[in-house]
Protein backbone atom coordinates (compact mmCIF):
# COMPACT_ATOMS: atom_id res chain seq x y z
CA MET A 1 -29.60 15.22 -84.34
CA SER A 2 -26.22 15.75 -85.91
CA MET A 3 -24.94 19.24 -85.15
CA PHE A 4 -22.00 19.16 -87.55
CA GLY A 5 -23.68 17.19 -90.35
CA ASP A 6 -26.82 19.33 -90.21
CA GLY A 7 -24.66 22.46 -90.14
CA LEU A 8 -22.84 21.42 -93.31
CA GLU A 9 -26.13 20.58 -95.04
CA HIS A 10 -27.61 23.91 -93.97
CA ALA A 11 -24.60 25.77 -95.40
CA VAL A 12 -25.05 24.04 -98.75
CA ARG A 13 -28.81 24.74 -98.72
CA LYS A 14 -28.11 28.48 -98.46
CA SER A 15 -26.81 28.35 -102.03
CA PHE A 16 -30.15 27.16 -103.49
CA THR A 17 -31.46 29.44 -106.21
CA ARG A 18 -35.14 28.53 -105.78
CA PRO A 19 -37.12 27.55 -102.72
CA ALA A 20 -38.11 23.90 -102.35
CA PRO A 21 -41.81 23.02 -102.69
CA LYS A 22 -43.79 23.94 -99.56
CA SER A 23 -47.22 22.33 -99.89
CA ALA A 24 -47.77 18.63 -99.30
CA GLY A 25 -49.11 18.09 -102.82
CA ALA A 26 -46.20 19.89 -104.47
CA ARG A 27 -43.68 17.94 -102.36
CA MET A 28 -45.35 14.66 -103.20
CA ARG A 29 -45.47 15.46 -106.94
CA TYR A 30 -41.76 16.37 -106.81
CA LEU A 31 -40.89 13.08 -105.12
CA VAL A 32 -43.00 11.10 -107.61
CA LYS A 33 -41.17 12.81 -110.47
CA GLN A 34 -37.75 12.21 -108.90
CA LEU A 35 -38.37 8.55 -108.00
CA LYS A 36 -40.36 7.86 -111.19
CA GLY A 37 -43.47 6.42 -109.60
CA THR A 38 -45.87 6.40 -106.69
CA ARG A 39 -44.82 2.95 -105.46
CA ALA A 40 -41.23 4.05 -104.80
CA VAL A 41 -42.43 7.17 -102.97
CA ALA A 42 -44.85 5.10 -100.89
CA ASP A 43 -42.02 2.76 -99.86
CA LEU A 44 -39.72 5.68 -99.10
CA LEU A 45 -42.25 7.51 -96.91
CA ARG A 46 -43.75 4.33 -95.40
CA VAL A 47 -47.31 5.06 -96.54
CA SER A 48 -49.64 3.32 -98.99
CA GLN A 49 -49.47 3.93 -102.71
CA ARG A 50 -53.08 5.15 -102.62
CA THR A 51 -52.12 7.80 -100.02
CA VAL A 52 -49.38 9.07 -102.32
CA GLU A 53 -51.86 9.26 -105.21
CA ARG A 54 -54.31 11.22 -103.07
CA TYR A 55 -51.61 13.76 -102.14
CA VAL A 56 -50.62 14.11 -105.80
CA LYS A 57 -54.25 14.91 -106.71
CA ASN A 58 -54.55 17.33 -103.73
CA GLN A 59 -57.30 15.20 -102.19
CA ILE A 60 -55.28 15.26 -98.95
CA ARG A 61 -53.66 18.56 -98.02
CA ASN A 62 -52.51 18.29 -94.39
CA PRO A 63 -50.17 15.40 -93.60
CA ARG A 64 -49.50 14.08 -90.11
CA PRO A 65 -46.52 15.82 -88.47
CA ASP A 66 -44.25 12.77 -88.82
CA LEU A 67 -45.14 12.33 -92.50
CA ALA A 68 -44.71 16.06 -93.15
CA ALA A 69 -41.24 15.91 -91.61
CA ARG A 70 -40.27 12.86 -93.72
CA MET A 71 -41.57 14.56 -96.88
CA GLU A 72 -39.64 17.75 -96.13
CA ARG A 73 -36.44 15.84 -95.37
CA GLU A 74 -36.63 13.77 -98.57
CA VAL A 75 -37.44 16.76 -100.78
CA THR A 76 -34.61 18.89 -99.39
CA ARG A 77 -32.20 15.95 -99.74
CA ARG A 78 -32.97 15.79 -103.45
CA TRP A 79 -33.57 19.48 -104.20
CA GLN A 80 -31.24 21.13 -106.75
CA PRO A 81 -28.47 18.52 -106.82
CA GLN A 82 -26.38 20.42 -109.38
CA ILE A 83 -26.47 23.64 -107.33
CA ARG A 84 -25.56 21.60 -104.24
CA ALA A 85 -22.64 19.93 -106.04
CA ARG A 86 -21.42 23.25 -107.44
CA ALA A 87 -21.46 24.86 -103.98
CA ARG A 88 -19.47 21.97 -102.49
CA GLU A 89 -17.02 22.04 -105.37
CA ARG A 90 -16.47 25.78 -104.96
CA ALA A 91 -15.86 25.32 -101.22
CA VAL A 92 -13.32 22.52 -101.66
CA THR A 93 -11.41 24.10 -104.55
CA THR A 94 -11.33 27.87 -104.07
CA GLY A 95 -13.64 29.28 -101.43
CA GLY A 96 -13.14 27.25 -98.29
CA ILE A 97 -15.64 27.30 -95.45
CA VAL A 98 -16.26 29.69 -92.56
CA VAL A 99 -16.89 28.24 -89.10
CA ASP A 100 -18.72 30.40 -86.58
CA THR A 101 -18.81 28.79 -83.15
CA ARG A 102 -19.15 29.54 -79.49
CA ALA A 103 -17.64 26.66 -77.56
CA ARG A 104 -15.16 25.67 -74.90
CA LEU A 105 -11.75 25.45 -76.54
CA GLY A 106 -8.43 24.50 -75.03
CA TYR A 107 -5.31 22.61 -75.95
CA THR A 108 -2.61 20.34 -74.65
CA ALA A 109 0.78 22.01 -74.65
CA PRO A 110 4.08 21.90 -72.74
CA ILE A 111 4.23 22.99 -69.09
CA GLY A 112 4.25 26.74 -68.54
CA THR A 113 1.70 27.69 -71.18
CA THR A 114 -1.84 28.94 -70.60
CA ASP A 115 -3.71 25.95 -71.95
CA GLN A 116 -6.82 26.39 -69.77
CA ASP A 117 -10.08 25.61 -71.58
CA ARG A 118 -12.36 28.61 -71.91
CA ILE A 119 -15.45 29.65 -73.79
CA ARG A 120 -14.48 31.38 -77.01
CA HIS A 121 -16.52 32.83 -79.83
CA LEU A 122 -14.65 32.23 -83.07
CA THR A 123 -15.41 33.06 -86.66
CA VAL A 124 -12.63 31.46 -88.69
CA ALA A 125 -12.28 31.06 -92.45
CA LEU A 126 -10.90 27.60 -93.14
CA PRO A 127 -9.00 27.02 -96.39
CA PRO A 128 -10.34 24.66 -99.08
CA GLN A 129 -8.38 21.59 -97.93
CA HIS A 130 -10.19 21.63 -94.57
CA ALA A 131 -13.55 22.10 -96.31
CA ALA A 132 -12.70 19.10 -98.49
CA ARG A 133 -11.92 16.96 -95.44
CA LEU A 134 -15.20 17.96 -93.78
CA PHE A 135 -17.35 17.33 -96.86
CA ASP A 136 -15.59 14.04 -97.70
CA ALA A 137 -16.08 12.73 -94.18
CA HIS A 138 -19.72 13.85 -94.15
CA GLN A 139 -20.44 12.17 -97.50
CA GLN A 140 -18.81 8.96 -96.26
CA GLY A 141 -21.21 8.94 -93.31
CA ALA A 142 -18.87 10.09 -90.55
CA ASP A 143 -20.53 10.64 -87.18
CA ASP A 144 -20.63 13.93 -85.30
CA GLN A 145 -17.61 12.99 -83.19
CA ARG A 146 -15.41 12.52 -86.28
CA LEU A 147 -16.64 15.79 -87.83
CA ARG A 148 -15.89 17.54 -84.53
CA GLU A 149 -12.33 16.12 -84.58
CA ILE A 150 -11.77 17.32 -88.16
CA THR A 151 -13.08 20.78 -87.26
CA ALA A 152 -10.89 20.89 -84.14
CA GLU A 153 -7.80 19.94 -86.18
CA ALA A 154 -8.62 22.68 -88.69
CA LEU A 155 -9.08 25.26 -85.91
CA LYS A 156 -5.78 24.15 -84.38
CA GLU A 157 -3.91 24.70 -87.63
CA VAL A 158 -5.63 27.93 -88.75
CA TYR A 159 -6.53 29.71 -85.50
CA PHE A 160 -4.11 28.52 -82.82
CA GLN A 161 -1.03 27.84 -84.96
CA ASP A 162 -1.72 30.49 -87.63
CA ASN A 163 -0.75 28.06 -90.41
CA GLY A 164 2.58 27.14 -88.78
CA ARG A 165 3.70 30.65 -87.80
CA ARG A 166 3.23 30.16 -84.03
CA ALA A 167 2.49 27.62 -81.29
CA GLY A 168 4.12 24.77 -83.15
CA GLN A 169 4.29 22.65 -79.99
CA LEU A 170 0.50 22.28 -79.57
CA GLU A 171 -0.46 18.66 -79.40
CA GLU A 172 -4.23 18.32 -79.07
CA ILE A 173 -7.19 20.68 -79.24
CA ARG A 174 -10.21 20.21 -76.96
CA PHE A 175 -13.43 21.40 -78.62
CA THR A 176 -16.33 20.82 -76.20
CA ASP A 177 -19.51 22.39 -74.76
CA ILE A 178 -20.60 23.75 -78.12
CA GLU A 179 -23.25 26.42 -77.62
CA HIS A 180 -23.43 27.58 -81.24
CA LEU A 181 -22.10 26.22 -84.51
CA ASP A 182 -22.69 27.58 -88.00
CA PHE A 183 -20.98 26.92 -91.32
CA GLU A 184 -20.95 29.32 -94.25
CA LEU A 185 -19.67 28.64 -97.78
């Protein structure tokens, strides 16, 4: 499970204008249409071509839990690509992204400052350049650790340093023990 990657995907999914297909037959028909054939869908879902055909004809209605999860994941990955692209584009050009988190945050700073880690609940609007870094890294397949580092750097600049107006001597932000994380476009 990827907390940061799934959070970014969930934020983009909130911009969908129509719900994705819910029934097994509707999901299978959508995948067949998208991949242009039952053979490709069968290979993707690791089932036989005949099983795909039976779902398309509604001869099978209740998939196994693992197959249902694969079908849902593949449909939502492909659902409304233009809406998804538009939402990302809006976030990286004008809107930015809002991070809502409850986590242990601290920083490394010179002696004499109160740099003790503590649980904080933050809701911070990050400007478009930070949203662009997050989405670019996610699309390039960055792992959760890298996405956490990018988010921590953004929180350092926007929350702790107030875009360069204070705490200019902060060196490193520690972003650990995440209890809650949510992104909003």
